PDB file of N, CA and C in Angstrom:
ATOM      1  N   UNK A   1      43.414 -65.123  13.327  1.00  0.00           N
ATOM      2  CA  UNK A   1      44.346 -64.277  12.608  1.00  0.00           C
ATOM      3  C   UNK A   1      45.752 -64.372  13.221  1.00  0.00           C
ATOM      4  N   UNK A   2      45.846 -64.458  14.534  1.00  0.00           N
ATOM      5  CA  UNK A   2      47.143 -64.492  15.193  1.00  0.00           C
ATOM      6  C   UNK A   2      47.488 -65.888  15.681  1.00  0.00           C
ATOM      7  N   UNK A   3      46.868 -66.887  15.113  1.00  0.00           N
ATOM      8  CA  UNK A   3      47.078 -68.264  15.553  1.00  0.00           C
ATOM      9  C   UNK A   3      48.557 -68.627  15.527  1.00  0.00           C
ATOM     10  N   UNK A   4      49.248 -68.297  14.447  1.00  0.00           N
ATOM     11  CA  UNK A   4      50.671 -68.621  14.325  1.00  0.00           C
ATOM     12  C   UNK A   4      51.482 -67.917  15.409  1.00  0.00           C
ATOM     13  N   UNK A   5      51.170 -66.638  15.656  1.00  0.00           N
ATOM     14  CA  UNK A   5      51.884 -65.903  16.701  1.00  0.00           C
ATOM     15  C   UNK A   5      51.635 -66.518  18.068  1.00  0.00           C
ATOM     16  N   UNK A   6      50.396 -66.892  18.342  1.00  0.00           N
ATOM     17  CA  UNK A   6      50.069 -67.488  19.636  1.00  0.00           C
ATOM     18  C   UNK A   6      50.773 -68.827  19.827  1.00  0.00           C
ATOM     19  N   UNK A   7      50.832 -69.611  18.777  1.00  0.00           N
ATOM     20  CA  UNK A   7      51.534 -70.893  18.853  1.00  0.00           C
ATOM     21  C   UNK A   7      53.018 -70.647  19.117  1.00  0.00           C
ATOM     22  N   UNK A   8      53.593 -69.662  18.433  1.00  0.00           N
ATOM     23  CA  UNK A   8      55.006 -69.335  18.651  1.00  0.00           C
ATOM     24  C   UNK A   8      55.244 -68.894  20.092  1.00  0.00           C
ATOM     25  N   UNK A   9      54.339 -68.082  20.616  1.00  0.00           N
ATOM     26  CA  UNK A   9      54.490 -67.622  21.992  1.00  0.00           C
ATOM     27  C   UNK A   9      54.416 -68.782  22.979  1.00  0.00           C
ATOM     28  N   UNK A  10      53.502 -69.685  22.756  1.00  0.00           N
ATOM     29  CA  UNK A  10      53.389 -70.864  23.621  1.00  0.00           C
ATOM     30  C   UNK A  10      54.681 -71.691  23.553  1.00  0.00           C
ATOM     31  N   UNK A  11      55.236 -71.823  22.354  1.00  0.00           N
ATOM     32  CA  UNK A  11      56.505 -72.540  22.208  1.00  0.00           C
ATOM     33  C   UNK A  11      57.612 -71.852  23.004  1.00  0.00           C
ATOM     34  N   UNK A  12      57.645 -70.533  22.955  1.00  0.00           N
ATOM     35  CA  UNK A  12      58.659 -69.783  23.703  1.00  0.00           C
ATOM     36  C   UNK A  12      58.487 -70.020  25.196  1.00  0.00           C
ATOM     37  N   UNK A  13      57.253 -69.925  25.667  1.00  0.00           N
ATOM     38  CA  UNK A  13      56.991 -70.104  27.092  1.00  0.00           C
ATOM     39  C   UNK A  13      57.471 -71.470  27.573  1.00  0.00           C
ATOM     40  N   UNK A  14      57.163 -72.502  26.810  1.00  0.00           N
ATOM     41  CA  UNK A  14      57.539 -73.840  27.252  1.00  0.00           C
ATOM     42  C   UNK A  14      59.005 -74.172  27.015  1.00  0.00           C
ATOM     43  N   UNK A  15      59.682 -73.372  26.201  1.00  0.00           N
ATOM     44  CA  UNK A  15      61.091 -73.650  25.930  1.00  0.00           C
ATOM     45  C   UNK A  15      62.056 -72.633  26.537  1.00  0.00           C
ATOM     46  N   UNK A  16      61.560 -71.522  27.085  1.00  0.00           N
ATOM     47  CA  UNK A  16      62.432 -70.528  27.718  1.00  0.00           C
ATOM     48  C   UNK A  16      63.057 -71.142  28.954  1.00  0.00           C
ATOM     49  N   UNK A  17      64.359 -70.920  29.121  1.00  0.00           N
ATOM     50  CA  UNK A  17      65.078 -71.571  30.205  1.00  0.00           C
ATOM     51  C   UNK A  17      66.003 -70.604  30.925  1.00  0.00           C
ATOM     52  N   UNK A  18      66.292 -70.943  32.165  1.00  0.00           N
ATOM     53  CA  UNK A  18      67.246 -70.188  32.966  1.00  0.00           C
ATOM     54  C   UNK A  18      68.646 -70.484  32.431  1.00  0.00           C
ATOM     55  N   UNK A  19      69.675 -69.749  32.917  1.00  0.00           N
ATOM     56  CA  UNK A  19      71.041 -70.040  32.461  1.00  0.00           C
ATOM     57  C   UNK A  19      71.485 -71.492  32.712  1.00  0.00           C
ATOM     58  N   UNK A  20      70.895 -72.152  33.714  1.00  0.00           N
ATOM     59  CA  UNK A  20      71.253 -73.559  33.960  1.00  0.00           C
ATOM     60  C   UNK A  20      70.300 -74.526  33.239  1.00  0.00           C
ATOM     61  N   UNK A  21      69.538 -74.000  32.276  1.00  0.00           N
ATOM     62  CA  UNK A  21      68.664 -74.776  31.383  1.00  0.00           C
ATOM     63  C   UNK A  21      67.403 -75.346  32.040  1.00  0.00           C
ATOM     64  N   UNK A  22      66.988 -74.770  33.155  1.00  0.00           N
ATOM     65  CA  UNK A  22      65.735 -75.174  33.790  1.00  0.00           C
ATOM     66  C   UNK A  22      64.606 -74.381  33.148  1.00  0.00           C
ATOM     67  N   UNK A  23      63.547 -75.050  32.682  1.00  0.00           N
ATOM     68  CA  UNK A  23      62.419 -74.313  32.109  1.00  0.00           C
ATOM     69  C   UNK A  23      61.805 -73.363  33.153  1.00  0.00           C
ATOM     70  N   UNK A  24      61.547 -72.126  32.755  1.00  0.00           N
ATOM     71  CA  UNK A  24      60.984 -71.150  33.685  1.00  0.00           C
ATOM     72  C   UNK A  24      59.670 -71.636  34.285  1.00  0.00           C
ATOM     73  N   UNK A  25      58.847 -72.301  33.496  1.00  0.00           N
ATOM     74  CA  UNK A  25      57.546 -72.716  34.017  1.00  0.00           C
ATOM     75  C   UNK A  25      57.663 -73.790  35.103  1.00  0.00           C
ATOM     76  N   UNK A  26      58.841 -74.399  35.251  1.00  0.00           N
ATOM     77  CA  UNK A  26      59.024 -75.396  36.301  1.00  0.00           C
ATOM     78  C   UNK A  26      59.607 -74.820  37.584  1.00  0.00           C
ATOM     79  N   UNK A  27      60.040 -73.561  37.555  1.00  0.00           N
ATOM     80  CA  UNK A  27      60.620 -72.948  38.751  1.00  0.00           C
ATOM     81  C   UNK A  27      59.527 -72.647  39.758  1.00  0.00           C
ATOM     82  N   UNK A  28      59.677 -73.181  40.952  1.00  0.00           N
ATOM     83  CA  UNK A  28      58.688 -72.939  41.985  1.00  0.00           C
ATOM     84  C   UNK A  28      59.319 -72.928  43.358  1.00  0.00           C
ATOM     85  N   UNK A  29      60.600 -72.602  43.447  1.00  0.00           N
ATOM     86  CA  UNK A  29      61.262 -72.674  44.748  1.00  0.00           C
ATOM     87  C   UNK A  29      60.589 -71.791  45.787  1.00  0.00           C
ATOM     88  N   UNK A  30      60.285 -70.564  45.458  1.00  0.00           N
ATOM     89  CA  UNK A  30      59.648 -69.683  46.437  1.00  0.00           C
ATOM     90  C   UNK A  30      58.206 -69.349  46.049  1.00  0.00           C
ATOM     91  N   UNK A  31      57.705 -70.050  45.056  1.00  0.00           N
ATOM     92  CA  UNK A  31      56.330 -69.827  44.641  1.00  0.00           C
ATOM     93  C   UNK A  31      56.148 -68.626  43.731  1.00  0.00           C
ATOM     94  N   UNK A  32      57.224 -67.916  43.409  1.00  0.00           N
ATOM     95  CA  UNK A  32      57.093 -66.719  42.590  1.00  0.00           C
ATOM     96  C   UNK A  32      57.569 -67.000  41.172  1.00  0.00           C
ATOM     97  N   UNK A  33      56.779 -66.586  40.209  1.00  0.00           N
ATOM     98  CA  UNK A  33      57.121 -66.721  38.805  1.00  0.00           C
ATOM     99  C   UNK A  33      58.249 -65.743  38.488  1.00  0.00           C
ATOM    100  N   UNK A  34      59.358 -66.209  37.878  1.00  0.00           N
ATOM    101  CA  UNK A  34      60.484 -65.313  37.602  1.00  0.00           C
ATOM    102  C   UNK A  34      60.112 -64.144  36.684  1.00  0.00           C
ATOM    103  N   UNK A  35      59.198 -64.367  35.745  1.00  0.00           N
ATOM    104  CA  UNK A  35      58.778 -63.271  34.866  1.00  0.00           C
ATOM    105  C   UNK A  35      58.033 -62.208  35.658  1.00  0.00           C
ATOM    106  N   UNK A  36      57.217 -62.635  36.593  1.00  0.00           N
ATOM    107  CA  UNK A  36      56.491 -61.706  37.456  1.00  0.00           C
ATOM    108  C   UNK A  36      57.468 -60.940  38.333  1.00  0.00           C
ATOM    109  N   UNK A  37      58.413 -61.647  38.908  1.00  0.00           N
ATOM    110  CA  UNK A  37      59.408 -61.003  39.767  1.00  0.00           C
ATOM    111  C   UNK A  37      60.206 -59.974  38.987  1.00  0.00           C
ATOM    112  N   UNK A  38      60.587 -60.300  37.758  1.00  0.00           N
ATOM    113  CA  UNK A  38      61.352 -59.366  36.930  1.00  0.00           C
ATOM    114  C   UNK A  38      60.531 -58.118  36.621  1.00  0.00           C
ATOM    115  N   UNK A  39      59.279 -58.285  36.245  1.00  0.00           N
ATOM    116  CA  UNK A  39      58.424 -57.135  35.947  1.00  0.00           C
ATOM    117  C   UNK A  39      58.225 -56.273  37.189  1.00  0.00           C
ATOM    118  N   UNK A  40      57.987 -56.894  38.322  1.00  0.00           N
ATOM    119  CA  UNK A  40      57.824 -56.140  39.564  1.00  0.00           C
ATOM    120  C   UNK A  40      59.103 -55.379  39.914  1.00  0.00           C
ATOM    121  N   UNK A  41      60.259 -55.995  39.685  1.00  0.00           N
ATOM    122  CA  UNK A  41      61.537 -55.312  39.934  1.00  0.00           C
ATOM    123  C   UNK A  41      61.693 -54.095  39.027  1.00  0.00           C
ATOM    124  N   UNK A  42      61.322 -54.234  37.772  1.00  0.00           N
ATOM    125  CA  UNK A  42      61.396 -53.100  36.836  1.00  0.00           C
ATOM    126  C   UNK A  42      60.504 -51.968  37.327  1.00  0.00           C
ATOM    127  N   UNK A  43      59.302 -52.305  37.769  1.00  0.00           N
ATOM    128  CA  UNK A  43      58.377 -51.276  38.267  1.00  0.00           C
ATOM    129  C   UNK A  43      58.920 -50.617  39.532  1.00  0.00           C
ATOM    130  N   UNK A  44      59.488 -51.399  40.441  1.00  0.00           N
ATOM    131  CA  UNK A  44      60.071 -50.832  41.670  1.00  0.00           C
ATOM    132  C   UNK A  44      61.255 -49.922  41.347  1.00  0.00           C
ATOM    133  N   UNK A  45      62.100 -50.338  40.411  1.00  0.00           N
ATOM    134  CA  UNK A  45      63.242 -49.512  40.018  1.00  0.00           C
ATOM    135  C   UNK A  45      62.770 -48.186  39.433  1.00  0.00           C
ATOM    136  N   UNK A  46      61.705 -48.219  38.656  1.00  0.00           N
ATOM    137  CA  UNK A  46      61.140 -46.981  38.125  1.00  0.00           C
ATOM    138  C   UNK A  46      60.640 -46.071  39.234  1.00  0.00           C
ATOM    139  N   UNK A  47      60.055 -46.659  40.269  1.00  0.00           N
ATOM    140  CA  UNK A  47      59.607 -45.863  41.414  1.00  0.00           C
ATOM    141  C   UNK A  47      60.800 -45.273  42.161  1.00  0.00           C
ATOM    142  N   UNK A  48      61.821 -46.081  42.402  1.00  0.00           N
ATOM    143  CA  UNK A  48      63.000 -45.603  43.125  1.00  0.00           C
ATOM    144  C   UNK A  48      63.720 -44.493  42.369  1.00  0.00           C
ATOM    145  N   UNK A  49      63.699 -44.574  41.038  1.00  0.00           N
ATOM    146  CA  UNK A  49      64.341 -43.553  40.210  1.00  0.00           C
ATOM    147  C   UNK A  49      63.438 -42.326  40.028  1.00  0.00           C
ATOM    148  N   UNK A  50      62.262 -42.360  40.664  1.00  0.00           N
ATOM    149  CA  UNK A  50      61.284 -41.268  40.579  1.00  0.00           C
ATOM    150  C   UNK A  50      60.737 -41.073  39.163  1.00  0.00           C
ATOM    151  N   UNK A  51      60.836 -42.140  38.339  1.00  0.00           N
ATOM    152  CA  UNK A  51      60.256 -42.096  37.004  1.00  0.00           C
ATOM    153  C   UNK A  51      58.782 -42.493  37.061  1.00  0.00           C
ATOM    154  N   UNK A  52      58.411 -43.254  38.088  1.00  0.00           N
ATOM    155  CA  UNK A  52      57.045 -43.706  38.278  1.00  0.00           C
ATOM    156  C   UNK A  52      56.517 -43.161  39.592  1.00  0.00           C
ATOM    157  N   UNK A  53      55.205 -43.047  39.667  1.00  0.00           N
ATOM    158  CA  UNK A  53      54.556 -42.582  40.896  1.00  0.00           C
ATOM    159  C   UNK A  53      54.414 -43.759  41.873  1.00  0.00           C
ATOM    160  N   UNK A  54      53.766 -43.501  42.993  1.00  0.00           N
ATOM    161  CA  UNK A  54      53.523 -44.548  43.984  1.00  0.00           C
ATOM    162  C   UNK A  54      52.362 -45.431  43.522  1.00  0.00           C
ATOM    163  N   UNK A  55      52.572 -46.718  43.509  1.00  0.00           N
ATOM    164  CA  UNK A  55      51.540 -47.712  43.196  1.00  0.00           C
ATOM    165  C   UNK A  55      52.042 -49.048  43.708  1.00  0.00           C
ATOM    166  N   UNK A  56      51.173 -50.021  43.725  1.00  0.00           N
ATOM    167  CA  UNK A  56      51.534 -51.362  44.159  1.00  0.00           C
ATOM    168  C   UNK A  56      52.109 -52.115  42.954  1.00  0.00           C
ATOM    169  N   UNK A  57      53.430 -52.394  42.942  1.00  0.00           N
ATOM    170  CA  UNK A  57      54.038 -53.067  41.792  1.00  0.00           C
ATOM    171  C   UNK A  57      53.420 -54.433  41.478  1.00  0.00           C
ATOM    172  N   UNK A  58      53.003 -55.154  42.509  1.00  0.00           N
ATOM    173  CA  UNK A  58      52.391 -56.459  42.274  1.00  0.00           C
ATOM    174  C   UNK A  58      51.064 -56.303  41.520  1.00  0.00           C
ATOM    175  N   UNK A  59      50.295 -55.308  41.905  1.00  0.00           N
ATOM    176  CA  UNK A  59      49.016 -55.067  41.250  1.00  0.00           C
ATOM    177  C   UNK A  59      49.189 -54.650  39.786  1.00  0.00           C
ATOM    178  N   UNK A  60      50.111 -53.732  39.541  1.00  0.00           N
ATOM    179  CA  UNK A  60      50.328 -53.265  38.175  1.00  0.00           C
ATOM    180  C   UNK A  60      50.932 -54.374  37.318  1.00  0.00           C
ATOM    181  N   UNK A  61      51.806 -55.188  37.892  1.00  0.00           N
ATOM    182  CA  UNK A  61      52.364 -56.328  37.176  1.00  0.00           C
ATOM    183  C   UNK A  61      51.246 -57.289  36.758  1.00  0.00           C
ATOM    184  N   UNK A  62      50.325 -57.551  37.659  1.00  0.00           N
ATOM    185  CA  UNK A  62      49.192 -58.421  37.358  1.00  0.00           C
ATOM    186  C   UNK A  62      48.325 -57.812  36.255  1.00  0.00           C
ATOM    187  N   UNK A  63      48.107 -56.520  36.317  1.00  0.00           N
ATOM    188  CA  UNK A  63      47.323 -55.812  35.290  1.00  0.00           C
ATOM    189  C   UNK A  63      47.982 -55.955  33.923  1.00  0.00           C
ATOM    190  N   UNK A  64      49.281 -55.715  33.857  1.00  0.00           N
ATOM    191  CA  UNK A  64      50.004 -55.804  32.585  1.00  0.00           C
ATOM    192  C   UNK A  64      49.959 -57.229  32.037  1.00  0.00           C
ATOM    193  N   UNK A  65      50.278 -58.194  32.884  1.00  0.00           N
ATOM    194  CA  UNK A  65      50.280 -59.583  32.423  1.00  0.00           C
ATOM    195  C   UNK A  65      48.887 -60.052  32.006  1.00  0.00           C
ATOM    196  N   UNK A  66      47.879 -59.614  32.737  1.00  0.00           N
ATOM    197  CA  UNK A  66      46.505 -59.973  32.383  1.00  0.00           C
ATOM    198  C   UNK A  66      46.102 -59.394  31.045  1.00  0.00           C
ATOM    199  N   UNK A  67      46.484 -58.149  30.796  1.00  0.00           N
ATOM    200  CA  UNK A  67      46.147 -57.505  29.523  1.00  0.00           C
ATOM    201  C   UNK A  67      46.839 -58.214  28.362  1.00  0.00           C
ATOM    202  N   UNK A  68      48.073 -58.631  28.577  1.00  0.00           N
ATOM    203  CA  UNK A  68      48.796 -59.359  27.528  1.00  0.00           C
ATOM    204  C   UNK A  68      48.149 -60.719  27.294  1.00  0.00           C
ATOM    205  N   UNK A  69      47.848 -61.436  28.358  1.00  0.00           N
ATOM    206  CA  UNK A  69      47.219 -62.758  28.230  1.00  0.00           C
ATOM    207  C   UNK A  69      45.865 -62.655  27.546  1.00  0.00           C
ATOM    208  N   UNK A  70      45.098 -61.684  27.941  1.00  0.00           N
ATOM    209  CA  UNK A  70      43.759 -61.508  27.358  1.00  0.00           C
ATOM    210  C   UNK A  70      43.851 -61.230  25.862  1.00  0.00           C
ATOM    211  N   UNK A  71      44.838 -60.446  25.463  1.00  0.00           N
ATOM    212  CA  UNK A  71      44.972 -60.126  24.045  1.00  0.00           C
ATOM    213  C   UNK A  71      45.286 -61.367  23.227  1.00  0.00           C
ATOM    214  N   UNK A  72      46.068 -62.280  23.790  1.00  0.00           N
ATOM    215  CA  UNK A  72      46.415 -63.499  23.064  1.00  0.00           C
ATOM    216  C   UNK A  72      45.201 -64.401  22.892  1.00  0.00           C
ATOM    217  N   UNK A  73      44.293 -64.361  23.826  1.00  0.00           N
ATOM    218  CA  UNK A  73      43.157 -65.283  23.796  1.00  0.00           C
ATOM    219  C   UNK A  73      41.950 -64.756  23.043  1.00  0.00           C
ATOM    220  N   UNK A  74      41.772 -63.438  22.980  1.00  0.00           N
ATOM    221  CA  UNK A  74      40.486 -62.909  22.529  1.00  0.00           C
ATOM    222  C   UNK A  74      40.466 -62.058  21.279  1.00  0.00           C
ATOM    223  N   UNK A  75      41.572 -61.876  20.592  1.00  0.00           N
ATOM    224  CA  UNK A  75      41.511 -61.041  19.389  1.00  0.00           C
ATOM    225  C   UNK A  75      40.840 -61.776  18.245  1.00  0.00           C
ATOM    226  N   UNK A  76      39.950 -61.085  17.570  1.00  0.00           N
ATOM    227  CA  UNK A  76      39.186 -61.667  16.477  1.00  0.00           C
ATOM    228  C   UNK A  76      39.181 -60.755  15.255  1.00  0.00           C
ATOM    229  N   UNK A  77      40.237 -60.186  14.824  1.00  0.00           N
ATOM    230  CA  UNK A  77      40.297 -59.269  13.677  1.00  0.00           C
ATOM    231  C   UNK A  77      39.693 -57.909  13.957  1.00  0.00           C
ATOM    232  N   UNK A  78      39.187 -57.651  15.145  1.00  0.00           N
ATOM    233  CA  UNK A  78      38.545 -56.375  15.439  1.00  0.00           C
ATOM    234  C   UNK A  78      39.570 -55.269  15.645  1.00  0.00           C
ATOM    235  N   UNK A  79      40.693 -55.605  16.168  1.00  0.00           N
ATOM    236  CA  UNK A  79      41.743 -54.631  16.439  1.00  0.00           C
ATOM    237  C   UNK A  79      43.084 -55.317  16.197  1.00  0.00           C
ATOM    238  N   UNK A  80      44.015 -54.586  15.632  1.00  0.00           N
ATOM    239  CA  UNK A  80      45.315 -55.198  15.360  1.00  0.00           C
ATOM    240  C   UNK A  80      46.119 -55.283  16.654  1.00  0.00           C
ATOM    241  N   UNK A  81      47.030 -56.205  16.678  1.00  0.00           N
ATOM    242  CA  UNK A  81      47.884 -56.376  17.858  1.00  0.00           C
ATOM    243  C   UNK A  81      48.725 -55.121  18.065  1.00  0.00           C
ATOM    244  N   UNK A  82      49.080 -54.454  16.979  1.00  0.00           N
ATOM    245  CA  UNK A  82      49.865 -53.229  17.079  1.00  0.00           C
ATOM    246  C   UNK A  82      49.060 -52.125  17.763  1.00  0.00           C
ATOM    247  N   UNK A  83      47.785 -51.979  17.349  1.00  0.00           N
ATOM    248  CA  UNK A  83      46.921 -50.971  17.981  1.00  0.00           C
ATOM    249  C   UNK A  83      46.727 -51.283  19.462  1.00  0.00           C
ATOM    250  N   UNK A  84      46.484 -52.552  19.755  1.00  0.00           N
ATOM    251  CA  UNK A  84      46.277 -52.955  21.140  1.00  0.00           C
ATOM    252  C   UNK A  84      47.520 -52.664  21.969  1.00  0.00           C
ATOM    253  N   UNK A  85      48.673 -53.032  21.451  1.00  0.00           N
ATOM    254  CA  UNK A  85      49.932 -52.808  22.156  1.00  0.00           C
ATOM    255  C   UNK A  85      50.160 -51.322  22.416  1.00  0.00           C
ATOM    256  N   UNK A  86      49.913 -50.504  21.412  1.00  0.00           N
ATOM    257  CA  UNK A  86      50.100 -49.051  21.564  1.00  0.00           C
ATOM    258  C   UNK A  86      49.167 -48.476  22.629  1.00  0.00           C
ATOM    259  N   UNK A  87      47.898 -48.851  22.584  1.00  0.00           N
ATOM    260  CA  UNK A  87      46.928 -48.346  23.563  1.00  0.00           C
ATOM    261  C   UNK A  87      47.225 -48.867  24.967  1.00  0.00           C
ATOM    262  N   UNK A  88      47.617 -50.124  25.057  1.00  0.00           N
ATOM    263  CA  UNK A  88      47.949 -50.699  26.355  1.00  0.00           C
ATOM    264  C   UNK A  88      49.159 -49.980  26.953  1.00  0.00           C
ATOM    265  N   UNK A  89      50.162 -49.739  26.139  1.00  0.00           N
ATOM    266  CA  UNK A  89      51.362 -49.041  26.612  1.00  0.00           C
ATOM    267  C   UNK A  89      51.004 -47.646  27.093  1.00  0.00           C
ATOM    268  N   UNK A  90      50.207 -46.906  26.318  1.00  0.00           N
ATOM    269  CA  UNK A  90      49.787 -45.560  26.728  1.00  0.00           C
ATOM    270  C   UNK A  90      49.025 -45.604  28.051  1.00  0.00           C
ATOM    271  N   UNK A  91      48.128 -46.554  28.181  1.00  0.00           N
ATOM    272  CA  UNK A  91      47.310 -46.656  29.403  1.00  0.00           C
ATOM    273  C   UNK A  91      48.154 -46.986  30.624  1.00  0.00           C
ATOM    274  N   UNK A  92      49.061 -47.933  30.493  1.00  0.00           N
ATOM    275  CA  UNK A  92      49.916 -48.301  31.625  1.00  0.00           C
ATOM    276  C   UNK A  92      50.822 -47.132  32.003  1.00  0.00           C
ATOM    277  N   UNK A  93      51.359 -46.425  31.029  1.00  0.00           N
ATOM    278  CA  UNK A  93      52.210 -45.275  31.332  1.00  0.00           C
ATOM    279  C   UNK A  93      51.440 -44.183  32.058  1.00  0.00           C
ATOM    280  N   UNK A  94      50.169 -44.007  31.716  1.00  0.00           N
ATOM    281  CA  UNK A  94      49.353 -43.027  32.437  1.00  0.00           C
ATOM    282  C   UNK A  94      49.176 -43.445  33.900  1.00  0.00           C
ATOM    283  N   UNK A  95      49.047 -44.719  34.136  1.00  0.00           N
ATOM    284  CA  UNK A  95      48.861 -45.222  35.496  1.00  0.00           C
ATOM    285  C   UNK A  95      50.118 -45.034  36.338  1.00  0.00           C
ATOM    286  N   UNK A  96      51.272 -45.349  35.769  1.00  0.00           N
ATOM    287  CA  UNK A  96      52.493 -45.373  36.568  1.00  0.00           C
ATOM    288  C   UNK A  96      53.226 -44.042  36.652  1.00  0.00           C
ATOM    289  N   UNK A  97      52.919 -43.104  35.779  1.00  0.00           N
ATOM    290  CA  UNK A  97      53.647 -41.811  35.804  1.00  0.00           C
ATOM    291  C   UNK A  97      52.963 -40.787  36.647  1.00  0.00           C
TER     292      UNK A  97
END
């Protein structure tokens, strides 16, 4: 059902580039994925602003990314992507607040 969306997402991943036109998937200078680093920074900023509770940003980042990846691979018409996104967002907010 979401084959077209998944193909589009894969195209984005392989074509997304830094300001100097380097594909993100090729960046490995410090071994850290820039998308992961950005998500972890957002989570840390939320903690510093006292919007989020204490948690391990790396762990929650992995949880979020895993849930997104799993949804792309395993949906079979049983649940809409919108429902999944809404429930995932609610669940993550419960964890971090």
